[in-house]
Protein backbone atom coordinates (compact mmCIF):
# COMPACT_ATOMS: atom_id res chain seq x y z
CA MET A 1 143.59 19.72 63.12
CA GLY A 2 141.79 22.38 64.92
CA SER A 3 138.59 22.65 63.14
CA THR A 4 136.80 18.82 63.96
CA ASP A 5 136.89 15.87 65.86
CA THR A 6 138.87 13.63 63.76
CA LEU A 7 142.09 14.31 62.56
CA VAL A 8 142.83 16.18 59.05
CA TRP A 9 146.25 15.62 57.63
CA PRO A 10 146.27 18.24 54.57
CA PRO A 11 146.53 21.70 56.06
CA CYS A 12 143.20 23.51 56.76
CA PRO A 13 142.16 26.91 58.34
CA VAL A 14 141.85 26.66 62.00
CA ARG A 15 138.07 27.90 62.00
CA ASN A 16 137.47 28.29 65.53
CA LEU A 17 139.80 31.63 65.89
CA HIS A 18 136.88 33.80 65.16
CA GLY A 19 138.98 36.45 63.02
CA GLU A 20 141.80 36.59 65.22
CA CYS A 21 144.56 37.92 63.40
CA ALA A 22 147.99 35.57 64.12
CA THR A 23 151.33 37.08 64.32
CA SER A 24 153.30 34.15 65.09
CA VAL A 25 152.97 30.37 64.25
CA ALA A 26 154.70 27.19 65.30
CA LEU A 27 153.94 23.70 64.34
CA GLY A 28 155.24 20.37 65.42
CA ILE A 29 154.87 16.96 63.90
CA ASN A 30 151.00 16.75 65.93
CA HIS A 31 150.24 20.25 67.54
CA GLY A 32 150.20 23.75 66.65
CA VAL A 33 150.31 26.85 68.68
CA VAL A 34 149.30 30.49 67.43
CA ALA A 35 149.75 33.99 68.73
CA THR A 36 147.51 36.92 67.99
CA ALA A 37 147.72 40.48 67.63
CA THR A 38 145.38 41.04 70.52
CA GLY A 39 148.01 38.89 72.89
CA ASP A 40 145.98 35.79 73.03
CA VAL A 41 147.70 32.32 72.70
CA TYR A 42 145.95 29.02 70.81
CA SER A 43 146.73 25.79 70.93
CA TRP A 44 145.78 22.54 69.58
CA GLY A 45 146.70 18.75 68.48
CA ASN A 46 148.73 16.03 70.57
CA ASN A 47 149.22 16.80 74.33
CA ASN A 48 150.80 13.89 74.96
CA ALA A 49 153.97 15.45 76.73
CA GLY A 50 152.26 18.76 77.73
CA GLN A 51 153.00 20.75 74.51
CA LEU A 52 149.80 22.64 74.22
CA GLY A 53 150.81 24.24 77.35
CA VAL A 54 147.52 23.10 79.76
CA GLY A 55 149.25 20.32 81.41
CA LEU A 56 148.79 16.77 80.28
CA ALA A 57 145.33 17.28 79.29
CA PRO A 58 144.27 14.70 76.03
CA VAL A 59 144.44 15.29 72.65
CA SER A 60 142.70 18.73 71.72
CA TYR A 61 141.06 18.88 68.51
CA THR A 62 139.46 22.56 68.42
CA HIS A 63 141.85 25.57 69.65
CA LEU A 64 142.53 25.78 73.65
CA THR A 65 143.07 29.43 74.67
CA LEU A 66 146.17 29.52 76.84
CA PRO A 67 146.02 31.24 80.12
């Protein structure tokens, strides 16, 4: 998750964070959320219950920047 348009089951780097330094990471069964040192928050994965913080958008295979 977080790097391609297909599911990746083993852990892998989230390549689209552009060198951000993660300060907090939260992972669910099918989604992840990262807070960075600059205060940005990113999420990716399954969003069937709104867990990505962007309403009920579909699955996101790359990161979404939260407002």
